[in-house]
Amino acid sequence: MRIISGTFKGRRLTPPKNITARPTTDFAKESLFNLLQNRMDFEGVDMLDLFAGTGGIGIEFVSRGAREVTSVEMAHTQQNFIIQTCKLLGINNLQVIRGDVFKFIPTCRTKFDFIYADPPYALDKLTSIPDLVFEHGLLKEGGLFVLEHSKADDFSAHPHFAEHRKYGNVNFTFFQ
């Protein structure tokens, strides 16, 4: 796992071997951030990372100047890795919440400029995530939500669909 840009640019972080997450590939992450840097100013952004896994996306946001990052991850191993990485890098504006995303969303009272979700591709409730994010008003006006998913899912008919991008086996759908 490599941090692409910002304060921690070039740092390599090695998740433990027993991690159950599927980290976003460096190629897909770099492509995503190339798109995002043309659409938003990372400085001062409040970001929500759902199904945070190794925390790579949230840490990349911190590295680029995000004001606050909230990472939600259910697995203890992944949560500990994110916490240890934050300690190693001296990050104090990334909050890790250990919990179920589907229980977190309805109870969250914060709005975010950017939301990223990288659920397990085979997750039964994957297609409900965009509806939940918008029903519970988690996105600020003018904010952006990106969902990573497999090619099996098509969100082009969703009322908040903005665009779809594919990088190898990784698919990103953008919602506004």
N, C-alpha and C. Protein backbone atom coordinates (compact mmCIF):
# COMPACT_ATOMS: atom_id res chain seq x y z
N MET A 1 0.87 -1.17 0.00
CA MET A 1 0.00 0.00 0.00
C MET A 1 0.90 1.22 0.00
N ARG A 2 0.68 2.10 -0.98
CA ARG A 2 1.52 3.28 -1.16
C ARG A 2 0.68 4.54 -1.06
N ILE A 3 1.22 5.55 -0.38
CA ILE A 3 0.56 6.85 -0.33
C ILE A 3 1.06 7.63 -1.54
N ILE A 4 0.13 8.10 -2.36
CA ILE A 4 0.44 8.65 -3.66
C ILE A 4 0.95 10.08 -3.61
N SER A 5 0.33 10.92 -2.78
CA SER A 5 0.65 12.35 -2.82
C SER A 5 0.47 12.98 -1.45
N GLY A 6 0.93 14.22 -1.34
CA GLY A 6 0.73 14.98 -0.11
C GLY A 6 1.85 14.80 0.89
N THR A 7 1.55 15.08 2.14
CA THR A 7 2.50 15.05 3.23
C THR A 7 3.25 13.73 3.35
N PHE A 8 2.56 12.63 3.13
CA PHE A 8 3.14 11.30 3.31
C PHE A 8 3.47 10.63 1.98
N LYS A 9 3.59 11.41 0.91
CA LYS A 9 3.84 10.89 -0.43
C LYS A 9 5.01 9.90 -0.44
N GLY A 10 4.77 8.76 -1.09
CA GLY A 10 5.81 7.76 -1.27
C GLY A 10 5.94 6.77 -0.13
N ARG A 11 5.28 7.03 1.00
CA ARG A 11 5.37 6.10 2.12
C ARG A 11 4.69 4.78 1.74
N ARG A 12 5.33 3.70 2.07
CA ARG A 12 4.76 2.37 1.84
C ARG A 12 4.36 1.79 3.19
N LEU A 13 3.14 1.28 3.24
CA LEU A 13 2.62 0.68 4.46
C LEU A 13 2.27 -0.77 4.14
N THR A 14 2.66 -1.66 5.02
CA THR A 14 2.44 -3.09 4.77
C THR A 14 1.41 -3.63 5.74
N PRO A 15 0.21 -3.92 5.24
CA PRO A 15 -0.82 -4.50 6.10
C PRO A 15 -0.41 -5.90 6.56
N PRO A 16 -0.91 -6.34 7.71
CA PRO A 16 -0.59 -7.68 8.17
C PRO A 16 -1.10 -8.74 7.20
N LYS A 17 -0.44 -9.87 7.19
CA LYS A 17 -0.80 -10.95 6.25
C LYS A 17 -2.20 -11.52 6.53
N ASN A 18 -2.68 -11.43 7.76
CA ASN A 18 -3.97 -12.02 8.11
C ASN A 18 -5.14 -11.06 7.89
N ILE A 19 -4.90 -9.97 7.20
CA ILE A 19 -5.97 -9.00 6.94
C ILE A 19 -6.96 -9.59 5.94
N THR A 20 -8.24 -9.36 6.17
CA THR A 20 -9.26 -9.95 5.31
C THR A 20 -9.77 -8.96 4.25
N ALA A 21 -9.27 -7.74 4.27
CA ALA A 21 -9.71 -6.73 3.31
C ALA A 21 -9.07 -6.97 1.95
N ARG A 22 -9.68 -6.38 0.93
CA ARG A 22 -9.15 -6.38 -0.43
C ARG A 22 -8.79 -4.93 -0.73
N PRO A 23 -7.55 -4.52 -0.44
CA PRO A 23 -7.20 -3.11 -0.65
C PRO A 23 -7.35 -2.70 -2.12
N THR A 24 -7.77 -1.49 -2.35
CA THR A 24 -7.85 -0.94 -3.70
C THR A 24 -6.45 -0.94 -4.28
N THR A 25 -6.31 -1.42 -5.50
CA THR A 25 -4.98 -1.48 -6.11
C THR A 25 -4.39 -0.08 -6.25
N ASP A 26 -3.05 0.01 -6.23
CA ASP A 26 -2.39 1.30 -6.39
C ASP A 26 -2.78 1.94 -7.72
N PHE A 27 -2.90 1.12 -8.77
CA PHE A 27 -3.29 1.64 -10.10
C PHE A 27 -4.67 2.29 -10.04
N ALA A 28 -5.65 1.58 -9.46
CA ALA A 28 -7.01 2.12 -9.38
C ALA A 28 -7.06 3.33 -8.47
N LYS A 29 -6.34 3.27 -7.34
CA LYS A 29 -6.33 4.40 -6.40
C LYS A 29 -5.72 5.64 -7.04
N GLU A 30 -4.62 5.46 -7.75
CA GLU A 30 -3.98 6.60 -8.42
C GLU A 30 -4.91 7.19 -9.49
N SER A 31 -5.58 6.34 -10.24
CA SER A 31 -6.52 6.80 -11.26
C SER A 31 -7.68 7.56 -10.62
N LEU A 32 -8.21 7.04 -9.52
CA LEU A 32 -9.29 7.71 -8.80
C LEU A 32 -8.85 9.09 -8.33
N PHE A 33 -7.68 9.17 -7.72
CA PHE A 33 -7.23 10.46 -7.19
C PHE A 33 -6.87 11.45 -8.30
N ASN A 34 -6.44 10.96 -9.46
CA ASN A 34 -6.23 11.85 -10.61
C ASN A 34 -7.55 12.50 -11.01
N LEU A 35 -8.63 11.71 -11.00
CA LEU A 35 -9.96 12.26 -11.31
C LEU A 35 -10.40 13.25 -10.23
N LEU A 36 -10.22 12.86 -8.98
CA LEU A 36 -10.71 13.69 -7.87
C LEU A 36 -9.98 15.02 -7.78
N GLN A 37 -8.68 15.05 -8.05
CA GLN A 37 -7.95 16.30 -7.90
C GLN A 37 -8.41 17.36 -8.91
N ASN A 38 -9.06 16.92 -9.99
CA ASN A 38 -9.61 17.87 -10.95
C ASN A 38 -11.02 18.32 -10.58
N ARG A 39 -11.61 17.70 -9.55
CA ARG A 39 -12.99 18.00 -9.17
C ARG A 39 -13.12 18.65 -7.80
N MET A 40 -12.09 18.51 -6.97
CA MET A 40 -12.24 19.00 -5.61
C MET A 40 -10.90 19.44 -5.04
N ASP A 41 -11.00 20.31 -4.05
CA ASP A 41 -9.85 20.73 -3.29
C ASP A 41 -9.85 19.88 -2.02
N PHE A 42 -8.84 19.09 -1.80
CA PHE A 42 -8.79 18.20 -0.64
C PHE A 42 -8.63 18.96 0.67
N GLU A 43 -8.03 20.13 0.58
CA GLU A 43 -7.76 20.95 1.76
C GLU A 43 -9.06 21.27 2.50
N GLY A 44 -9.13 20.89 3.75
CA GLY A 44 -10.29 21.23 4.58
C GLY A 44 -11.51 20.35 4.38
N VAL A 45 -11.40 19.28 3.63
CA VAL A 45 -12.53 18.39 3.35
C VAL A 45 -12.83 17.49 4.55
N ASP A 46 -14.11 17.25 4.79
CA ASP A 46 -14.54 16.24 5.76
C ASP A 46 -14.90 15.00 4.96
N MET A 47 -14.26 13.88 5.29
CA MET A 47 -14.38 12.67 4.48
C MET A 47 -14.84 11.49 5.32
N LEU A 48 -15.70 10.66 4.73
CA LEU A 48 -16.18 9.44 5.37
C LEU A 48 -15.72 8.26 4.52
N ASP A 49 -15.04 7.31 5.17
CA ASP A 49 -14.54 6.11 4.50
C ASP A 49 -15.29 4.91 5.06
N LEU A 50 -16.25 4.39 4.28
CA LEU A 50 -17.05 3.24 4.70
C LEU A 50 -16.40 1.95 4.22
N PHE A 51 -16.41 0.93 5.06
CA PHE A 51 -15.71 -0.32 4.78
C PHE A 51 -14.23 0.02 4.56
N ALA A 52 -13.64 0.69 5.53
CA ALA A 52 -12.32 1.30 5.39
C ALA A 52 -11.19 0.33 5.09
N GLY A 53 -11.33 -0.93 5.47
CA GLY A 53 -10.28 -1.91 5.17
C GLY A 53 -8.95 -1.50 5.78
N THR A 54 -7.94 -1.32 4.95
CA THR A 54 -6.61 -0.94 5.43
C THR A 54 -6.49 0.56 5.68
N GLY A 55 -7.53 1.32 5.31
CA GLY A 55 -7.52 2.76 5.55
C GLY A 55 -6.81 3.57 4.49
N GLY A 56 -6.41 2.93 3.41
CA GLY A 56 -5.61 3.61 2.39
C GLY A 56 -6.24 4.85 1.79
N ILE A 57 -7.53 4.82 1.53
CA ILE A 57 -8.19 5.98 0.91
C ILE A 57 -8.27 7.13 1.92
N GLY A 58 -8.68 6.83 3.14
CA GLY A 58 -8.76 7.86 4.17
C GLY A 58 -7.41 8.47 4.48
N ILE A 59 -6.38 7.65 4.57
CA ILE A 59 -5.03 8.15 4.85
C ILE A 59 -4.54 9.02 3.69
N GLU A 60 -4.88 8.63 2.47
CA GLU A 60 -4.53 9.46 1.30
C GLU A 60 -5.19 10.83 1.41
N PHE A 61 -6.45 10.87 1.87
CA PHE A 61 -7.13 12.16 2.06
C PHE A 61 -6.42 13.00 3.12
N VAL A 62 -6.03 12.38 4.23
CA VAL A 62 -5.31 13.11 5.28
C VAL A 62 -4.00 13.65 4.71
N SER A 63 -3.28 12.83 3.97
CA SER A 63 -2.01 13.24 3.38
C SER A 63 -2.17 14.46 2.48
N ARG A 64 -3.35 14.58 1.85
CA ARG A 64 -3.60 15.68 0.92
C ARG A 64 -4.27 16.88 1.58
N GLY A 65 -4.43 16.84 2.90
CA GLY A 65 -4.92 18.03 3.61
C GLY A 65 -6.35 18.01 4.09
N ALA A 66 -6.99 16.84 4.09
CA ALA A 66 -8.37 16.77 4.60
C ALA A 66 -8.42 17.26 6.04
N ARG A 67 -9.51 17.92 6.39
CA ARG A 67 -9.68 18.43 7.75
C ARG A 67 -9.94 17.30 8.73
N GLU A 68 -10.87 16.41 8.35
CA GLU A 68 -11.27 15.32 9.24
C GLU A 68 -11.66 14.11 8.39
N VAL A 69 -11.21 12.93 8.81
CA VAL A 69 -11.59 11.68 8.15
C VAL A 69 -12.18 10.76 9.21
N THR A 70 -13.32 10.18 8.87
CA THR A 70 -13.97 9.17 9.72
C THR A 70 -13.96 7.87 8.94
N SER A 71 -13.32 6.85 9.52
CA SER A 71 -13.22 5.54 8.88
C SER A 71 -14.05 4.54 9.67
N VAL A 72 -14.92 3.84 8.97
CA VAL A 72 -15.77 2.83 9.61
C VAL A 72 -15.33 1.46 9.10
N GLU A 73 -14.95 0.60 10.03
CA GLU A 73 -14.47 -0.74 9.69
C GLU A 73 -14.90 -1.71 10.78
N MET A 74 -15.44 -2.85 10.38
CA MET A 74 -15.93 -3.82 11.35
C MET A 74 -14.83 -4.77 11.85
N ALA A 75 -13.89 -5.13 11.01
CA ALA A 75 -12.88 -6.12 11.38
C ALA A 75 -11.82 -5.54 12.31
N HIS A 76 -11.60 -6.22 13.39
CA HIS A 76 -10.66 -5.78 14.41
C HIS A 76 -9.23 -5.64 13.86
N THR A 77 -8.80 -6.59 13.03
CA THR A 77 -7.44 -6.56 12.47
C THR A 77 -7.23 -5.31 11.62
N GLN A 78 -8.20 -5.01 10.76
CA GLN A 78 -8.09 -3.83 9.91
C GLN A 78 -8.14 -2.54 10.75
N GLN A 79 -9.04 -2.51 11.72
CA GLN A 79 -9.16 -1.34 12.58
C GLN A 79 -7.82 -1.08 13.28
N ASN A 80 -7.22 -2.11 13.85
CA ASN A 80 -5.94 -1.95 14.53
C ASN A 80 -4.84 -1.48 13.57
N PHE A 81 -4.85 -1.99 12.34
CA PHE A 81 -3.86 -1.55 11.36
C PHE A 81 -3.99 -0.06 11.08
N ILE A 82 -5.22 0.42 10.92
CA ILE A 82 -5.43 1.85 10.66
C ILE A 82 -4.95 2.67 11.86
N ILE A 83 -5.29 2.24 13.07
CA ILE A 83 -4.87 2.96 14.28
C ILE A 83 -3.35 3.00 14.39
N GLN A 84 -2.69 1.86 14.15
CA GLN A 84 -1.23 1.80 14.23
C GLN A 84 -0.58 2.67 13.15
N THR A 85 -1.17 2.68 11.95
CA THR A 85 -0.64 3.51 10.86
C THR A 85 -0.75 4.98 11.23
N CYS A 86 -1.87 5.37 11.81
CA CYS A 86 -2.04 6.77 12.24
C CYS A 86 -1.01 7.15 13.30
N LYS A 87 -0.75 6.26 14.23
CA LYS A 87 0.28 6.52 15.25
C LYS A 87 1.65 6.66 14.60
N LEU A 88 1.98 5.74 13.69
CA LEU A 88 3.26 5.75 13.00
C LEU A 88 3.48 7.07 12.24
N LEU A 89 2.43 7.56 11.59
CA LEU A 89 2.55 8.77 10.77
C LEU A 89 2.24 10.06 11.54
N GLY A 90 1.79 9.92 12.78
CA GLY A 90 1.44 11.11 13.58
C GLY A 90 0.14 11.75 13.14
N ILE A 91 -0.78 10.97 12.63
CA ILE A 91 -2.08 11.47 12.16
C ILE A 91 -3.03 11.55 13.35
N ASN A 92 -3.61 12.74 13.56
CA ASN A 92 -4.56 12.90 14.67
C ASN A 92 -5.94 13.37 14.21
N ASN A 93 -6.15 13.42 12.91
CA ASN A 93 -7.46 13.86 12.40
C ASN A 93 -8.17 12.75 11.61
N LEU A 94 -7.87 11.51 11.97
CA LEU A 94 -8.56 10.37 11.39
C LEU A 94 -9.13 9.56 12.55
N GLN A 95 -10.45 9.50 12.59
CA GLN A 95 -11.15 8.76 13.64
C GLN A 95 -11.57 7.40 13.08
N VAL A 96 -11.25 6.34 13.81
CA VAL A 96 -11.63 5.00 13.39
C VAL A 96 -12.79 4.53 14.26
N ILE A 97 -13.86 4.15 13.59
CA ILE A 97 -15.03 3.62 14.29
C ILE A 97 -15.15 2.14 13.93
N ARG A 98 -15.10 1.30 14.96
CA ARG A 98 -15.27 -0.13 14.71
C ARG A 98 -16.75 -0.44 14.77
N GLY A 99 -17.29 -0.83 13.63
CA GLY A 99 -18.71 -1.12 13.60
C GLY A 99 -19.21 -1.50 12.23
N ASP A 100 -20.47 -1.85 12.19
CA ASP A 100 -21.18 -2.25 10.99
C ASP A 100 -21.65 -0.99 10.26
N VAL A 101 -21.26 -0.84 9.02
CA VAL A 101 -21.64 0.32 8.21
C VAL A 101 -23.16 0.50 8.18
N PHE A 102 -23.90 -0.60 8.10
CA PHE A 102 -25.35 -0.54 7.98
C PHE A 102 -26.01 -0.09 9.29
N LYS A 103 -25.32 -0.19 10.40
CA LYS A 103 -25.81 0.36 11.67
C LYS A 103 -25.30 1.78 11.88
N PHE A 104 -24.11 2.07 11.35
CA PHE A 104 -23.51 3.40 11.48
C PHE A 104 -24.30 4.46 10.70
N ILE A 105 -24.61 4.17 9.45
CA ILE A 105 -25.24 5.17 8.57
C ILE A 105 -26.50 5.78 9.18
N PRO A 106 -27.47 4.99 9.68
CA PRO A 106 -28.69 5.61 10.22
C PRO A 106 -28.46 6.42 11.50
N THR A 107 -27.35 6.20 12.18
CA THR A 107 -27.11 6.92 13.44
C THR A 107 -26.16 8.10 13.27
N CYS A 108 -25.54 8.23 12.12
CA CYS A 108 -24.57 9.30 11.87
C CYS A 108 -25.29 10.64 11.72
N ARG A 109 -24.83 11.64 12.42
CA ARG A 109 -25.44 12.98 12.36
C ARG A 109 -24.53 14.01 11.69
N THR A 110 -23.43 13.53 11.12
CA THR A 110 -22.47 14.41 10.46
C THR A 110 -22.67 14.35 8.96
N LYS A 111 -22.42 15.48 8.29
CA LYS A 111 -22.46 15.52 6.83
C LYS A 111 -21.02 15.63 6.32
N PHE A 112 -20.77 15.05 5.17
CA PHE A 112 -19.42 14.97 4.64
C PHE A 112 -19.34 15.56 3.24
N ASP A 113 -18.15 16.09 2.90
CA ASP A 113 -17.89 16.61 1.56
C ASP A 113 -17.64 15.47 0.58
N PHE A 114 -17.05 14.41 1.09
CA PHE A 114 -16.70 13.27 0.24
C PHE A 114 -16.94 11.99 1.03
N ILE A 115 -17.60 11.03 0.39
CA ILE A 115 -17.83 9.72 1.00
C ILE A 115 -17.32 8.67 0.02
N TYR A 116 -16.58 7.72 0.58
CA TYR A 116 -16.05 6.62 -0.21
C TYR A 116 -16.49 5.32 0.45
N ALA A 117 -16.96 4.38 -0.35
CA ALA A 117 -17.35 3.06 0.17
C ALA A 117 -16.72 1.98 -0.69
N ASP A 118 -16.04 1.06 -0.03
CA ASP A 118 -15.41 -0.06 -0.71
C ASP A 118 -15.83 -1.35 -0.01
N PRO A 119 -17.12 -1.73 -0.18
CA PRO A 119 -17.60 -2.94 0.48
C PRO A 119 -17.07 -4.20 -0.20
N PRO A 120 -17.15 -5.34 0.50
CA PRO A 120 -16.82 -6.60 -0.19
C PRO A 120 -17.72 -6.72 -1.43
N TYR A 121 -17.13 -7.07 -2.56
CA TYR A 121 -17.88 -7.11 -3.82
C TYR A 121 -19.07 -8.06 -3.77
N ALA A 122 -18.98 -9.10 -2.96
CA ALA A 122 -20.06 -10.10 -2.89
C ALA A 122 -21.09 -9.77 -1.81
N LEU A 123 -20.99 -8.61 -1.20
CA LEU A 123 -21.91 -8.22 -0.13
C LEU A 123 -23.35 -8.17 -0.65
N ASP A 124 -24.27 -8.86 0.03
CA ASP A 124 -25.67 -8.90 -0.39
C ASP A 124 -26.31 -7.52 -0.48
N LYS A 125 -25.99 -6.66 0.47
CA LYS A 125 -26.65 -5.34 0.54
C LYS A 125 -25.86 -4.24 -0.17
N LEU A 126 -24.90 -4.60 -0.99
CA LEU A 126 -24.06 -3.61 -1.67
C LEU A 126 -24.89 -2.58 -2.44
N THR A 127 -25.87 -3.02 -3.18
CA THR A 127 -26.64 -2.10 -4.02
C THR A 127 -27.51 -1.13 -3.22
N SER A 128 -27.71 -1.40 -1.94
CA SER A 128 -28.51 -0.50 -1.11
C SER A 128 -27.71 0.67 -0.54
N ILE A 129 -26.39 0.61 -0.64
CA ILE A 129 -25.54 1.63 -0.01
C ILE A 129 -25.82 3.04 -0.53
N PRO A 130 -25.89 3.28 -1.85
CA PRO A 130 -26.17 4.64 -2.30
C PRO A 130 -27.50 5.18 -1.75
N ASP A 131 -28.54 4.36 -1.76
CA ASP A 131 -29.83 4.80 -1.21
C ASP A 131 -29.70 5.19 0.25
N LEU A 132 -29.00 4.39 1.04
CA LEU A 132 -28.83 4.68 2.46
C LEU A 132 -28.08 6.00 2.69
N VAL A 133 -27.03 6.21 1.93
CA VAL A 133 -26.24 7.45 2.07
C VAL A 133 -27.12 8.67 1.80
N PHE A 134 -27.94 8.62 0.75
CA PHE A 134 -28.78 9.77 0.41
C PHE A 134 -30.01 9.88 1.30
N GLU A 135 -30.62 8.76 1.68
CA GLU A 135 -31.78 8.80 2.58
C GLU A 135 -31.44 9.42 3.93
N HIS A 136 -30.23 9.18 4.40
CA HIS A 136 -29.83 9.68 5.71
C HIS A 136 -29.06 11.00 5.62
N GLY A 137 -28.98 11.57 4.45
CA GLY A 137 -28.42 12.91 4.28
C GLY A 137 -26.98 13.05 4.72
N LEU A 138 -26.14 12.07 4.41
CA LEU A 138 -24.75 12.12 4.87
C LEU A 138 -23.86 13.01 4.00
N LEU A 139 -24.31 13.32 2.80
CA LEU A 139 -23.49 14.09 1.87
C LEU A 139 -23.88 15.56 1.91
N LYS A 140 -22.88 16.43 2.05
CA LYS A 140 -23.13 17.87 2.03
C LYS A 140 -23.56 18.29 0.62
N GLU A 141 -24.23 19.42 0.54
CA GLU A 141 -24.61 19.98 -0.76
C GLU A 141 -23.34 20.17 -1.59
N GLY A 142 -23.35 19.67 -2.82
CA GLY A 142 -22.19 19.77 -3.69
C GLY A 142 -21.14 18.69 -3.43
N GLY A 143 -21.42 17.78 -2.49
CA GLY A 143 -20.48 16.72 -2.15
C GLY A 143 -20.47 15.61 -3.18
N LEU A 144 -19.54 14.69 -3.00
CA LEU A 144 -19.36 13.59 -3.94
C LEU A 144 -19.26 12.28 -3.16
N PHE A 145 -19.94 11.26 -3.68
CA PHE A 145 -19.90 9.92 -3.10
C PHE A 145 -19.39 8.97 -4.17
N VAL A 146 -18.38 8.17 -3.83
CA VAL A 146 -17.82 7.20 -4.76
C VAL A 146 -17.96 5.81 -4.15
N LEU A 147 -18.53 4.90 -4.93
CA LEU A 147 -18.70 3.51 -4.52
C LEU A 147 -17.82 2.63 -5.39
N GLU A 148 -16.96 1.83 -4.76
CA GLU A 148 -16.17 0.86 -5.49
C GLU A 148 -16.93 -0.46 -5.52
N HIS A 149 -16.97 -1.10 -6.68
CA HIS A 149 -17.75 -2.33 -6.83
C HIS A 149 -17.24 -3.15 -8.01
N SER A 150 -17.81 -4.32 -8.19
CA SER A 150 -17.42 -5.18 -9.31
C SER A 150 -18.21 -4.78 -10.57
N LYS A 151 -17.85 -5.39 -11.67
CA LYS A 151 -18.55 -5.09 -12.94
C LYS A 151 -19.99 -5.61 -12.93
N ALA A 152 -20.32 -6.46 -11.98
CA ALA A 152 -21.67 -7.04 -11.91
C ALA A 152 -22.74 -6.01 -11.53
N ASP A 153 -22.32 -4.90 -10.93
CA ASP A 153 -23.28 -3.90 -10.47
C ASP A 153 -23.33 -2.70 -11.41
N ASP A 154 -24.55 -2.25 -11.69
CA ASP A 154 -24.77 -1.10 -12.57
C ASP A 154 -25.67 -0.11 -11.84
N PHE A 155 -25.17 1.08 -11.60
CA PHE A 155 -25.92 2.10 -10.87
C PHE A 155 -26.36 3.26 -11.77
N SER A 156 -26.27 3.08 -13.08
CA SER A 156 -26.55 4.18 -14.01
C SER A 156 -28.00 4.70 -13.93
N ALA A 157 -28.92 3.91 -13.41
CA ALA A 157 -30.31 4.36 -13.29
C ALA A 157 -30.58 5.04 -11.94
N HIS A 158 -29.61 5.07 -11.06
CA HIS A 158 -29.81 5.69 -9.74
C HIS A 158 -30.02 7.19 -9.92
N PRO A 159 -30.96 7.80 -9.18
CA PRO A 159 -31.24 9.24 -9.35
C PRO A 159 -30.05 10.16 -9.05
N HIS A 160 -29.07 9.70 -8.30
CA HIS A 160 -27.90 10.53 -7.98
C HIS A 160 -26.65 10.12 -8.76
N PHE A 161 -26.82 9.22 -9.73
CA PHE A 161 -25.70 8.76 -10.56
C PHE A 161 -25.08 9.94 -11.31
N ALA A 162 -23.74 10.01 -11.28
CA ALA A 162 -23.03 11.05 -12.03
C ALA A 162 -22.19 10.42 -13.15
N GLU A 163 -21.41 9.39 -12.82
CA GLU A 163 -20.62 8.71 -13.85
C GLU A 163 -20.04 7.41 -13.31
N HIS A 164 -19.51 6.62 -14.24
CA HIS A 164 -18.91 5.32 -13.91
C HIS A 164 -17.53 5.27 -14.56
N ARG A 165 -16.55 4.76 -13.82
CA ARG A 165 -15.20 4.57 -14.36
C ARG A 165 -14.72 3.17 -14.01
N LYS A 166 -13.94 2.58 -14.92
CA LYS A 166 -13.44 1.22 -14.72
C LYS A 166 -11.92 1.23 -14.89
N TYR A 167 -11.24 0.61 -13.93
CA TYR A 167 -9.79 0.48 -13.98
C TYR A 167 -9.44 -0.97 -13.66
N GLY A 168 -9.13 -1.75 -14.69
CA GLY A 168 -8.89 -3.17 -14.49
C GLY A 168 -10.18 -3.83 -14.01
N ASN A 169 -10.11 -4.52 -12.88
CA ASN A 169 -11.29 -5.17 -12.30
C ASN A 169 -12.02 -4.27 -11.31
N VAL A 170 -11.55 -3.04 -11.16
CA VAL A 170 -12.14 -2.12 -10.18
C VAL A 170 -13.08 -1.16 -10.91
N ASN A 171 -14.29 -1.05 -10.38
CA ASN A 171 -15.29 -0.13 -10.92
C ASN A 171 -15.60 0.93 -9.87
N PHE A 172 -15.64 2.18 -10.29
CA PHE A 172 -16.03 3.28 -9.42
C PHE A 172 -17.29 3.92 -9.98
N THR A 173 -18.30 4.07 -9.16
CA THR A 173 -19.48 4.84 -9.57
C THR A 173 -19.52 6.09 -8.71
N PHE A 174 -19.71 7.23 -9.38
CA PHE A 174 -19.75 8.53 -8.72
C PHE A 174 -21.20 8.97 -8.59
N PHE A 175 -21.56 9.46 -7.41
CA PHE A 175 -22.90 9.97 -7.14
C PHE A 175 -22.78 11.39 -6.63
N GLN A 176 -23.78 12.22 -6.97
CA GLN A 176 -23.81 13.60 -6.46
C GLN A 176 -25.19 13.91 -5.95
